[in-house]
């Protein structure tokens, strides 16, 4: 079994402390291990994009996400 990133155990403890919920299964723990790679990918994008790049404006994003009342 590959070694887990250092982030896994402290994050599991933080989840337990904040929500009172333990990770439910091995799949959840595996997903948490993948979180380190996601953070690295997001960090690589830092400074390269602005909110205005997509969607074109904050107002357009709000309109696109608005729920329609029934």
Protein backbone atom coordinates (compact mmCIF):
# COMPACT_ATOMS: atom_id res chain seq x y z
CA UNK A 1 0.00 0.00 0.00
CA UNK A 2 1.47 3.41 -0.96
CA UNK A 3 2.25 5.87 1.78
CA UNK A 4 -0.38 8.51 2.43
CA UNK A 5 0.44 12.21 2.15
CA UNK A 6 1.15 14.00 5.44
CA UNK A 7 -2.10 15.93 4.99
CA UNK A 8 -4.37 12.87 5.48
CA UNK A 9 -4.21 12.22 9.24
CA UNK A 10 -4.43 15.87 10.37
CA UNK A 11 -7.33 16.46 7.99
CA UNK A 12 -9.14 13.36 9.25
CA UNK A 13 -8.73 14.68 12.79
CA UNK A 14 -9.95 18.15 11.77
CA UNK A 15 -13.05 16.62 10.14
CA UNK A 16 -13.74 14.58 13.27
CA UNK A 17 -13.31 17.59 15.56
CA UNK A 18 -15.40 20.00 13.49
CA UNK A 19 -18.21 17.66 12.50
CA UNK A 20 -17.99 14.75 14.89
CA UNK A 21 -17.85 12.41 11.89
CA UNK A 22 -15.12 9.88 11.18
CA UNK A 23 -14.21 9.13 7.57
CA UNK A 24 -16.73 6.44 6.61
CA UNK A 25 -14.57 4.07 4.60
CA UNK A 26 -11.37 3.42 2.66
CA UNK A 27 -12.72 5.21 -0.42
CA UNK A 28 -13.16 8.41 1.61
CA UNK A 29 -9.62 8.12 2.93
CA UNK A 30 -8.32 7.54 -0.61
CA UNK A 31 -10.18 10.62 -1.80
CA UNK A 32 -8.64 12.65 0.98
CA UNK A 33 -5.20 11.42 -0.12
CA UNK A 34 -5.98 12.71 -3.63
CA UNK A 35 -6.69 16.13 -2.11
CA UNK A 36 -2.96 16.84 -1.90
CA UNK A 37 -2.61 16.55 -5.68
CA UNK A 38 -5.65 18.78 -6.18
CA UNK A 39 -4.15 21.45 -3.93
CA UNK A 40 -0.90 21.30 -5.93
CA UNK A 41 -2.80 21.73 -9.20
CA UNK A 42 -4.74 24.69 -7.85
CA UNK A 43 -1.55 26.26 -6.49
CA UNK A 44 0.02 25.96 -9.96
CA UNK A 45 -2.88 28.05 -11.34
CA UNK A 46 -2.45 30.81 -8.75
CA UNK A 47 -2.14 34.15 -10.47
CA UNK A 48 -2.83 32.75 -13.94
CA UNK A 49 -6.59 33.23 -13.93
CA UNK A 50 -8.99 35.88 -12.77
CA UNK A 51 -12.69 35.54 -12.09
CA UNK A 52 -13.34 37.70 -15.12
CA UNK A 53 -11.77 35.10 -17.44
CA UNK A 54 -14.73 32.72 -17.14
CA UNK A 55 -17.54 33.63 -16.76
CA UNK A 56 -17.20 37.09 -18.20
CA UNK A 57 -18.69 38.86 -15.20
CA UNK A 58 -19.91 38.27 -11.67
CA UNK A 59 -23.42 39.31 -12.65
CA UNK A 60 -23.47 36.76 -15.50
CA UNK A 61 -22.36 34.04 -13.09
CA UNK A 62 -25.16 34.94 -10.70
CA UNK A 63 -27.72 34.86 -13.51
CA UNK A 64 -26.46 31.48 -14.73
CA UNK A 65 -26.67 29.97 -11.24
CA UNK A 66 -30.00 31.50 -10.27
CA UNK A 67 -32.72 29.03 -9.42
CA UNK A 68 -36.06 29.54 -11.06
CA UNK A 69 -39.04 29.79 -8.74
CA UNK A 70 -41.91 27.45 -9.36
